[in-house]
Amino acid sequence: MSYYQRHIFFCVNDRGAGAGRPSCNQCGAGAMRDYAKRRMKERGLTGEGRVRVNQAGCLDRCEEGPVCVVYPEGVWYTYVDESDIDEIIDSHLVGGKPVERLII
């Protein structure tokens, strides 16, 4: 068994203003990652055998961003706000059911 049941990576790459491609952090990805981490800790869902929330550099799905990916399932999401993050937490990270409307 792996150390974590699930692992969610948030792309927080930031190319800066005027870059040729979009970047997730320009869309608030860092704040959403911080929100997800805080919510998971508040609910006691982190640590060994549970879920780990991490940031990642560029995940190379920039035009679909902001993005995050949940492993071991390999489900890729885009999101807009905290309610989307709450839905990913409740449905997928806790319940094991991917959120179809947010999958990319």
N, C-alpha and C. Protein backbone atom coordinates (compact mmCIF):
# COMPACT_ATOMS: atom_id res chain seq x y z
N MET A 1 0.84 -1.18 0.00
CA MET A 1 0.00 0.00 0.00
C MET A 1 0.88 1.24 0.00
N SER A 2 0.49 2.24 -0.73
CA SER A 2 1.28 3.47 -0.77
C SER A 2 1.06 4.28 0.51
N TYR A 3 1.93 5.21 0.75
CA TYR A 3 1.86 6.02 1.96
C TYR A 3 0.58 6.85 2.02
N TYR A 4 0.19 7.42 0.84
CA TYR A 4 -1.05 8.20 0.76
C TYR A 4 -2.09 7.43 -0.05
N GLN A 5 -3.34 7.58 0.34
CA GLN A 5 -4.42 6.97 -0.43
C GLN A 5 -4.57 7.69 -1.77
N ARG A 6 -4.50 9.01 -1.72
CA ARG A 6 -4.58 9.84 -2.93
C ARG A 6 -3.62 11.02 -2.78
N HIS A 7 -3.24 11.53 -3.93
CA HIS A 7 -2.33 12.66 -3.98
C HIS A 7 -2.90 13.63 -5.00
N ILE A 8 -3.07 14.90 -4.65
CA ILE A 8 -3.55 15.90 -5.59
C ILE A 8 -2.46 16.94 -5.79
N PHE A 9 -2.11 17.16 -7.05
CA PHE A 9 -1.10 18.13 -7.43
C PHE A 9 -1.76 19.31 -8.13
N PHE A 10 -1.51 20.51 -7.65
CA PHE A 10 -1.99 21.73 -8.27
C PHE A 10 -0.83 22.37 -9.04
N CYS A 11 -1.02 22.61 -10.32
CA CYS A 11 -0.03 23.35 -11.08
C CYS A 11 -0.07 24.80 -10.59
N VAL A 12 1.07 25.32 -10.19
CA VAL A 12 1.16 26.72 -9.76
C VAL A 12 2.22 27.46 -10.57
N ASN A 13 2.49 26.95 -11.77
CA ASN A 13 3.48 27.60 -12.63
C ASN A 13 3.04 29.02 -12.96
N ASP A 14 4.01 29.93 -12.99
CA ASP A 14 3.73 31.33 -13.29
C ASP A 14 4.76 31.84 -14.29
N ARG A 15 4.33 32.03 -15.52
CA ARG A 15 5.23 32.52 -16.57
C ARG A 15 5.37 34.04 -16.54
N GLY A 16 4.52 34.71 -15.80
CA GLY A 16 4.55 36.16 -15.74
C GLY A 16 3.66 36.80 -16.79
N ALA A 17 3.41 38.06 -16.58
CA ALA A 17 2.54 38.80 -17.50
C ALA A 17 3.17 38.87 -18.88
N GLY A 18 2.34 38.76 -19.90
CA GLY A 18 2.79 38.90 -21.28
C GLY A 18 3.44 37.66 -21.86
N ALA A 19 3.40 36.54 -21.16
CA ALA A 19 3.99 35.31 -21.69
C ALA A 19 3.18 34.81 -22.89
N GLY A 20 3.80 34.02 -23.72
CA GLY A 20 3.15 33.49 -24.91
C GLY A 20 2.09 32.45 -24.64
N ARG A 21 2.11 31.86 -23.47
CA ARG A 21 1.12 30.86 -23.07
C ARG A 21 0.55 31.27 -21.72
N PRO A 22 -0.68 30.85 -21.44
CA PRO A 22 -1.23 31.10 -20.10
C PRO A 22 -0.48 30.27 -19.06
N SER A 23 -0.62 30.63 -17.82
CA SER A 23 -0.06 29.81 -16.74
C SER A 23 -1.05 29.77 -15.59
N CYS A 24 -1.07 28.64 -14.92
CA CYS A 24 -2.09 28.38 -13.91
C CYS A 24 -2.09 29.40 -12.77
N ASN A 25 -0.91 29.82 -12.33
CA ASN A 25 -0.89 30.74 -11.20
C ASN A 25 -1.48 32.10 -11.57
N GLN A 26 -1.45 32.46 -12.84
CA GLN A 26 -2.10 33.69 -13.29
C GLN A 26 -3.62 33.59 -13.13
N CYS A 27 -4.11 32.35 -12.97
CA CYS A 27 -5.55 32.11 -12.79
C CYS A 27 -5.90 31.80 -11.34
N GLY A 28 -4.99 32.09 -10.41
CA GLY A 28 -5.27 31.91 -8.99
C GLY A 28 -5.00 30.52 -8.44
N ALA A 29 -4.19 29.72 -9.14
CA ALA A 29 -3.95 28.34 -8.72
C ALA A 29 -3.29 28.25 -7.35
N GLY A 30 -2.37 29.15 -7.04
CA GLY A 30 -1.70 29.10 -5.74
C GLY A 30 -2.69 29.28 -4.59
N ALA A 31 -3.60 30.21 -4.75
CA ALA A 31 -4.62 30.44 -3.72
C ALA A 31 -5.55 29.24 -3.58
N MET A 32 -5.89 28.60 -4.70
CA MET A 32 -6.77 27.43 -4.64
C MET A 32 -6.06 26.24 -4.02
N ARG A 33 -4.77 26.09 -4.27
CA ARG A 33 -4.00 25.03 -3.63
C ARG A 33 -3.95 25.27 -2.12
N ASP A 34 -3.71 26.51 -1.71
CA ASP A 34 -3.69 26.83 -0.28
C ASP A 34 -5.04 26.56 0.35
N TYR A 35 -6.11 26.91 -0.36
CA TYR A 35 -7.46 26.65 0.13
C TYR A 35 -7.69 25.15 0.31
N ALA A 36 -7.33 24.36 -0.70
CA ALA A 36 -7.53 22.91 -0.63
C ALA A 36 -6.75 22.32 0.54
N LYS A 37 -5.52 22.75 0.71
CA LYS A 37 -4.68 22.24 1.79
C LYS A 37 -5.30 22.57 3.15
N ARG A 38 -5.75 23.80 3.30
CA ARG A 38 -6.38 24.23 4.56
C ARG A 38 -7.65 23.44 4.84
N ARG A 39 -8.51 23.27 3.83
CA ARG A 39 -9.78 22.54 4.01
C ARG A 39 -9.52 21.08 4.38
N MET A 40 -8.55 20.47 3.74
CA MET A 40 -8.24 19.07 4.02
C MET A 40 -7.73 18.92 5.46
N LYS A 41 -6.88 19.83 5.90
CA LYS A 41 -6.36 19.77 7.27
C LYS A 41 -7.48 20.00 8.28
N GLU A 42 -8.35 20.98 8.01
CA GLU A 42 -9.47 21.27 8.91
C GLU A 42 -10.37 20.04 9.09
N ARG A 43 -10.49 19.27 8.06
CA ARG A 43 -11.36 18.10 8.10
C ARG A 43 -10.65 16.82 8.54
N GLY A 44 -9.37 16.93 8.86
CA GLY A 44 -8.61 15.77 9.33
C GLY A 44 -8.39 14.72 8.25
N LEU A 45 -8.25 15.17 7.01
CA LEU A 45 -8.15 14.24 5.88
C LEU A 45 -6.73 14.09 5.35
N THR A 46 -5.73 14.65 6.05
CA THR A 46 -4.36 14.60 5.57
C THR A 46 -3.53 13.64 6.43
N GLY A 47 -2.37 13.27 5.91
CA GLY A 47 -1.46 12.41 6.64
C GLY A 47 -1.43 11.00 6.09
N GLU A 48 -0.66 10.17 6.74
CA GLU A 48 -0.47 8.79 6.28
C GLU A 48 -1.81 8.08 6.08
N GLY A 49 -1.93 7.43 4.94
CA GLY A 49 -3.14 6.68 4.62
C GLY A 49 -4.29 7.54 4.14
N ARG A 50 -4.06 8.84 4.04
CA ARG A 50 -5.13 9.77 3.63
C ARG A 50 -4.72 10.48 2.34
N VAL A 51 -4.87 11.78 2.31
CA VAL A 51 -4.62 12.56 1.09
C VAL A 51 -3.50 13.57 1.32
N ARG A 52 -2.67 13.75 0.32
CA ARG A 52 -1.62 14.77 0.33
C ARG A 52 -1.96 15.81 -0.73
N VAL A 53 -1.92 17.08 -0.36
CA VAL A 53 -2.14 18.20 -1.29
C VAL A 53 -0.78 18.82 -1.56
N ASN A 54 -0.39 18.87 -2.84
CA ASN A 54 0.91 19.42 -3.22
C ASN A 54 0.79 20.41 -4.36
N GLN A 55 1.83 21.22 -4.50
CA GLN A 55 1.93 22.08 -5.66
C GLN A 55 2.91 21.43 -6.63
N ALA A 56 2.77 21.78 -7.89
CA ALA A 56 3.67 21.28 -8.93
C ALA A 56 4.05 22.44 -9.82
N GLY A 57 5.15 22.28 -10.51
CA GLY A 57 5.51 23.21 -11.57
C GLY A 57 4.59 22.95 -12.75
N CYS A 58 5.00 23.37 -13.91
CA CYS A 58 4.15 23.24 -15.09
C CYS A 58 3.78 21.79 -15.36
N LEU A 59 2.49 21.54 -15.49
CA LEU A 59 1.98 20.22 -15.83
C LEU A 59 1.64 20.14 -17.32
N ASP A 60 1.92 21.20 -18.06
CA ASP A 60 1.82 21.27 -19.52
C ASP A 60 0.42 21.06 -20.08
N ARG A 61 -0.57 21.55 -19.36
CA ARG A 61 -1.94 21.58 -19.87
C ARG A 61 -2.45 23.01 -19.73
N CYS A 62 -1.56 23.93 -20.04
CA CYS A 62 -1.74 25.36 -19.77
C CYS A 62 -3.02 25.95 -20.35
N GLU A 63 -3.35 25.55 -21.57
CA GLU A 63 -4.53 26.12 -22.21
C GLU A 63 -5.83 25.63 -21.60
N GLU A 64 -5.76 24.63 -20.73
CA GLU A 64 -6.95 24.09 -20.08
C GLU A 64 -7.03 24.52 -18.62
N GLY A 65 -6.14 25.37 -18.19
CA GLY A 65 -5.95 25.69 -16.79
C GLY A 65 -6.93 26.68 -16.22
N PRO A 66 -6.83 26.81 -14.92
CA PRO A 66 -5.89 26.15 -14.03
C PRO A 66 -6.22 24.66 -13.91
N VAL A 67 -5.18 23.87 -13.62
CA VAL A 67 -5.37 22.42 -13.56
C VAL A 67 -4.81 21.83 -12.27
N CYS A 68 -5.38 20.68 -11.93
CA CYS A 68 -4.83 19.83 -10.88
C CYS A 68 -5.06 18.39 -11.33
N VAL A 69 -4.32 17.47 -10.74
CA VAL A 69 -4.45 16.07 -11.09
C VAL A 69 -4.44 15.23 -9.82
N VAL A 70 -5.31 14.22 -9.79
CA VAL A 70 -5.45 13.33 -8.63
C VAL A 70 -4.88 11.96 -9.00
N TYR A 71 -3.96 11.49 -8.16
CA TYR A 71 -3.40 10.15 -8.31
C TYR A 71 -3.78 9.31 -7.10
N PRO A 72 -3.97 8.00 -7.24
CA PRO A 72 -3.45 7.18 -8.32
C PRO A 72 -4.35 7.10 -9.56
N GLU A 73 -5.52 7.68 -9.51
CA GLU A 73 -6.45 7.54 -10.64
C GLU A 73 -5.99 8.26 -11.90
N GLY A 74 -5.20 9.32 -11.76
CA GLY A 74 -4.76 10.08 -12.91
C GLY A 74 -5.87 10.92 -13.52
N VAL A 75 -6.75 11.43 -12.67
CA VAL A 75 -7.87 12.25 -13.13
C VAL A 75 -7.44 13.72 -13.12
N TRP A 76 -7.58 14.37 -14.28
CA TRP A 76 -7.22 15.78 -14.46
C TRP A 76 -8.45 16.65 -14.35
N TYR A 77 -8.30 17.74 -13.59
CA TYR A 77 -9.39 18.69 -13.39
C TYR A 77 -8.98 20.10 -13.77
N THR A 78 -9.98 20.87 -14.15
CA THR A 78 -9.88 22.31 -14.17
C THR A 78 -10.91 22.81 -13.16
N TYR A 79 -10.75 24.03 -12.71
CA TYR A 79 -11.65 24.56 -11.67
C TYR A 79 -11.69 26.07 -11.79
N VAL A 80 -12.70 26.65 -11.15
CA VAL A 80 -12.88 28.10 -11.21
C VAL A 80 -12.73 28.73 -9.83
N ASP A 81 -13.32 28.09 -8.81
CA ASP A 81 -13.38 28.74 -7.51
C ASP A 81 -13.38 27.72 -6.37
N GLU A 82 -13.54 28.22 -5.16
CA GLU A 82 -13.50 27.36 -3.98
C GLU A 82 -14.61 26.31 -3.99
N SER A 83 -15.76 26.63 -4.55
CA SER A 83 -16.84 25.63 -4.58
C SER A 83 -16.45 24.44 -5.47
N ASP A 84 -15.71 24.69 -6.55
CA ASP A 84 -15.21 23.58 -7.37
C ASP A 84 -14.22 22.73 -6.57
N ILE A 85 -13.34 23.38 -5.83
CA ILE A 85 -12.36 22.66 -5.01
C ILE A 85 -13.09 21.83 -3.95
N ASP A 86 -14.11 22.41 -3.30
CA ASP A 86 -14.89 21.67 -2.31
C ASP A 86 -15.54 20.44 -2.93
N GLU A 87 -16.03 20.58 -4.15
CA GLU A 87 -16.66 19.45 -4.83
C GLU A 87 -15.64 18.35 -5.14
N ILE A 88 -14.45 18.73 -5.57
CA ILE A 88 -13.39 17.74 -5.81
C ILE A 88 -13.03 17.03 -4.51
N ILE A 89 -12.91 17.79 -3.43
CA ILE A 89 -12.59 17.20 -2.12
C ILE A 89 -13.68 16.22 -1.70
N ASP A 90 -14.93 16.68 -1.69
CA ASP A 90 -16.03 15.84 -1.19
C ASP A 90 -16.28 14.62 -2.05
N SER A 91 -16.36 14.83 -3.35
CA SER A 91 -16.73 13.74 -4.24
C SER A 91 -15.56 12.79 -4.53
N HIS A 92 -14.42 13.33 -4.91
CA HIS A 92 -13.32 12.48 -5.34
C HIS A 92 -12.36 12.10 -4.22
N LEU A 93 -11.81 13.10 -3.54
CA LEU A 93 -10.79 12.79 -2.54
C LEU A 93 -11.36 12.05 -1.34
N VAL A 94 -12.59 12.34 -0.96
CA VAL A 94 -13.22 11.65 0.17
C VAL A 94 -14.07 10.47 -0.32
N GLY A 95 -14.91 10.73 -1.31
CA GLY A 95 -15.86 9.71 -1.76
C GLY A 95 -15.39 8.77 -2.84
N GLY A 96 -14.27 9.10 -3.49
CA GLY A 96 -13.74 8.21 -4.54
C GLY A 96 -14.44 8.34 -5.88
N LYS A 97 -15.36 9.31 -6.01
CA LYS A 97 -16.10 9.48 -7.26
C LYS A 97 -15.62 10.76 -7.95
N PRO A 98 -14.99 10.63 -9.15
CA PRO A 98 -14.54 11.83 -9.87
C PRO A 98 -15.69 12.77 -10.19
N VAL A 99 -15.37 14.04 -10.27
CA VAL A 99 -16.36 15.09 -10.58
C VAL A 99 -16.37 15.28 -12.10
N GLU A 100 -17.30 14.62 -12.76
CA GLU A 100 -17.33 14.59 -14.22
C GLU A 100 -17.31 15.96 -14.86
N ARG A 101 -18.05 16.90 -14.32
CA ARG A 101 -18.17 18.22 -14.97
C ARG A 101 -16.87 19.02 -14.96
N LEU A 102 -15.91 18.65 -14.10
CA LEU A 102 -14.65 19.36 -14.02
C LEU A 102 -13.48 18.63 -14.68
N ILE A 103 -13.70 17.42 -15.15
CA ILE A 103 -12.63 16.63 -15.76
C ILE A 103 -12.25 17.21 -17.11
N ILE A 104 -10.94 17.25 -17.35
CA ILE A 104 -10.44 17.68 -18.67
C ILE A 104 -9.78 16.50 -19.36
